Amino acid sequence: PFAAGVFAAVVMLAAIEHVPDHDRALAEAARVLAGGGRLILTTPNPRFARAAAMAARLGLKFREGFDNGLDLRQLTRLAVAHGLVVHQAQGFLVTPWPGPLDALEPRLAATAVGRGLLLNQLLVAEKP
């Protein structure tokens, strides 16, 4: 393992949902971050897990294996529990491909209900 407090950033893009122990993964990220270091984490919105599983069965999506999603509230609680200060927790991405619906993203991101409809989630946290 890496020494404690040696990284300015830990980036976990579409990864946390593929580990069996979210708490342990966040604990390790917090441990290796230096003071002032940032955790940048993205994960699919777990609200769409059934649709993603169905798409995988139909051959429309590659099945990545272990899939244990977290919502933004759960991610925020874990980050705070490990001593991180959350600066940003939001949904993003209306559709998996670019198009005219992208214009809806700012409106959806502005409300709790709308954020729940976005496909992905972003958490940015800092180690004090």
Protein backbone atom coordinates (compact mmCIF):
# COMPACT_ATOMS: atom_id res chain seq x y z
CA PRO A 1 0.00 0.00 0.00
CA PHE A 2 0.92 3.64 -0.42
CA ALA A 3 2.04 5.74 2.53
CA ALA A 4 -0.58 7.92 4.21
CA GLY A 5 -1.05 11.48 3.00
CA VAL A 6 1.00 11.29 -0.19
CA PHE A 7 -1.46 12.14 -2.97
CA ALA A 8 -2.82 15.53 -4.01
CA ALA A 9 -5.79 13.81 -5.66
CA VAL A 10 -7.56 10.48 -5.81
CA VAL A 11 -9.71 10.01 -8.91
CA MET A 12 -12.30 7.25 -8.97
CA LEU A 13 -14.26 7.40 -12.23
CA ALA A 14 -17.05 4.82 -12.49
CA ALA A 15 -15.18 2.59 -10.04
CA ILE A 16 -16.78 2.67 -6.58
CA GLU A 17 -19.80 0.68 -7.77
CA HIS A 18 -17.49 -2.20 -8.68
CA VAL A 19 -15.93 -2.73 -5.25
CA PRO A 20 -17.59 -4.91 -2.64
CA ASP A 21 -16.77 -2.63 0.33
CA HIS A 22 -17.50 1.05 -0.30
CA ASP A 23 -16.51 2.05 3.23
CA ARG A 24 -13.09 0.46 2.88
CA ALA A 25 -12.53 2.08 -0.54
CA LEU A 26 -13.39 5.56 0.77
CA ALA A 27 -11.30 4.99 3.90
CA GLU A 28 -8.29 4.15 1.73
CA ALA A 29 -8.85 7.17 -0.52
CA ALA A 30 -9.01 9.45 2.55
CA ARG A 31 -5.94 7.80 4.08
CA VAL A 32 -3.67 8.40 1.08
CA LEU A 33 -4.84 11.98 0.44
CA ALA A 34 -2.56 14.74 1.64
CA GLY A 35 -4.07 17.68 3.51
CA GLY A 36 -5.84 19.84 0.96
CA GLY A 37 -6.00 16.86 -1.44
CA ARG A 38 -9.16 16.22 -3.44
CA LEU A 39 -11.23 13.12 -4.03
CA ILE A 40 -13.01 13.22 -7.39
CA LEU A 41 -15.51 10.39 -7.74
CA THR A 42 -18.12 9.58 -10.37
CA THR A 43 -20.57 6.71 -10.37
CA PRO A 44 -23.75 5.82 -12.24
CA ASN A 45 -27.01 6.78 -10.59
CA PRO A 46 -28.19 3.53 -8.91
CA ARG A 47 -31.76 4.45 -9.82
CA PHE A 48 -30.99 3.09 -13.30
CA ALA A 49 -29.43 -0.23 -12.17
CA ARG A 50 -32.34 -2.36 -13.39
CA ALA A 51 -32.37 -0.68 -16.80
CA ALA A 52 -28.59 -1.17 -17.10
CA ALA A 53 -28.89 -4.86 -16.13
CA MET A 54 -31.63 -5.34 -18.74
CA ALA A 55 -29.53 -3.60 -21.40
CA ALA A 56 -26.62 -5.92 -20.53
CA ARG A 57 -28.83 -9.00 -20.89
CA LEU A 58 -29.94 -7.74 -24.31
CA GLY A 59 -26.32 -7.18 -25.37
CA LEU A 60 -26.79 -3.40 -25.49
CA LYS A 61 -24.37 -2.69 -22.67
CA PHE A 62 -21.18 -4.35 -21.56
CA ARG A 63 -21.65 -5.85 -18.10
CA GLU A 64 -18.69 -4.74 -15.98
CA GLY A 65 -19.13 -7.32 -13.24
CA PHE A 66 -19.74 -6.45 -9.60
CA ASP A 67 -22.31 -3.67 -9.50
CA ASN A 68 -23.18 -2.20 -6.12
CA GLY A 69 -24.26 1.40 -6.63
CA LEU A 70 -24.55 4.23 -4.13
CA ASP A 71 -26.63 7.37 -4.30
CA LEU A 72 -25.28 10.85 -3.56
CA ARG A 73 -26.54 10.85 0.02
CA GLN A 74 -24.73 7.59 0.76
CA LEU A 75 -21.54 8.81 -0.93
CA THR A 76 -21.64 12.08 1.00
CA ARG A 77 -22.15 10.27 4.33
CA LEU A 78 -19.20 7.97 3.63
CA ALA A 79 -16.90 10.82 2.62
CA VAL A 80 -17.79 12.82 5.75
CA ALA A 81 -17.38 9.72 7.95
CA HIS A 82 -13.79 9.49 6.71
CA GLY A 83 -13.00 13.10 7.51
CA LEU A 84 -13.50 14.61 4.06
CA VAL A 85 -15.27 17.90 3.39
CA VAL A 86 -17.71 17.59 0.49
CA HIS A 87 -17.58 20.55 -1.89
CA GLN A 88 -19.80 19.18 -4.64
CA ALA A 89 -22.35 16.38 -4.90
CA GLN A 90 -24.48 16.46 -8.02
CA GLY A 91 -25.96 14.48 -10.85
CA PHE A 92 -24.88 14.94 -14.44
CA LEU A 93 -25.56 13.57 -17.93
CA VAL A 94 -29.09 13.42 -19.31
CA THR A 95 -28.39 10.76 -21.95
CA PRO A 96 -25.37 8.59 -22.72
CA TRP A 97 -24.92 10.33 -26.07
CA PRO A 98 -24.70 14.03 -27.01
CA GLY A 99 -27.85 15.65 -28.30
CA PRO A 100 -30.52 18.28 -27.83
CA LEU A 101 -31.59 16.86 -24.45
CA ASP A 102 -28.27 18.04 -23.01
CA ALA A 103 -29.88 21.49 -22.67
CA LEU A 104 -32.11 20.04 -19.92
CA GLU A 105 -29.18 19.14 -17.66
CA PRO A 106 -28.85 22.51 -15.82
CA ARG A 107 -32.58 22.57 -15.08
CA LEU A 108 -32.62 18.99 -13.84
CA ALA A 109 -29.50 19.52 -11.74
CA ALA A 110 -31.17 22.46 -9.98
CA THR A 111 -33.80 20.34 -8.20
CA ALA A 112 -33.64 17.25 -5.99
CA VAL A 113 -36.13 15.41 -8.21
CA GLY A 114 -34.25 16.40 -11.35
CA ARG A 115 -30.89 15.31 -9.95
CA GLY A 116 -32.39 11.89 -9.38
CA LEU A 117 -33.13 11.66 -13.11
CA LEU A 118 -29.56 12.28 -14.27
CA LEU A 119 -27.57 9.19 -15.30
CA ASN A 120 -24.35 9.84 -13.39
CA GLN A 121 -23.22 11.35 -10.11
CA LEU A 122 -20.21 13.43 -9.13
CA LEU A 123 -18.69 13.86 -5.68
CA VAL A 124 -15.78 16.23 -5.02
CA ALA A 125 -14.39 16.24 -1.50
CA GLU A 126 -11.28 17.59 0.20
CA LYS A 127 -9.14 16.34 3.05
CA PRO A 128 -8.68 19.22 5.51
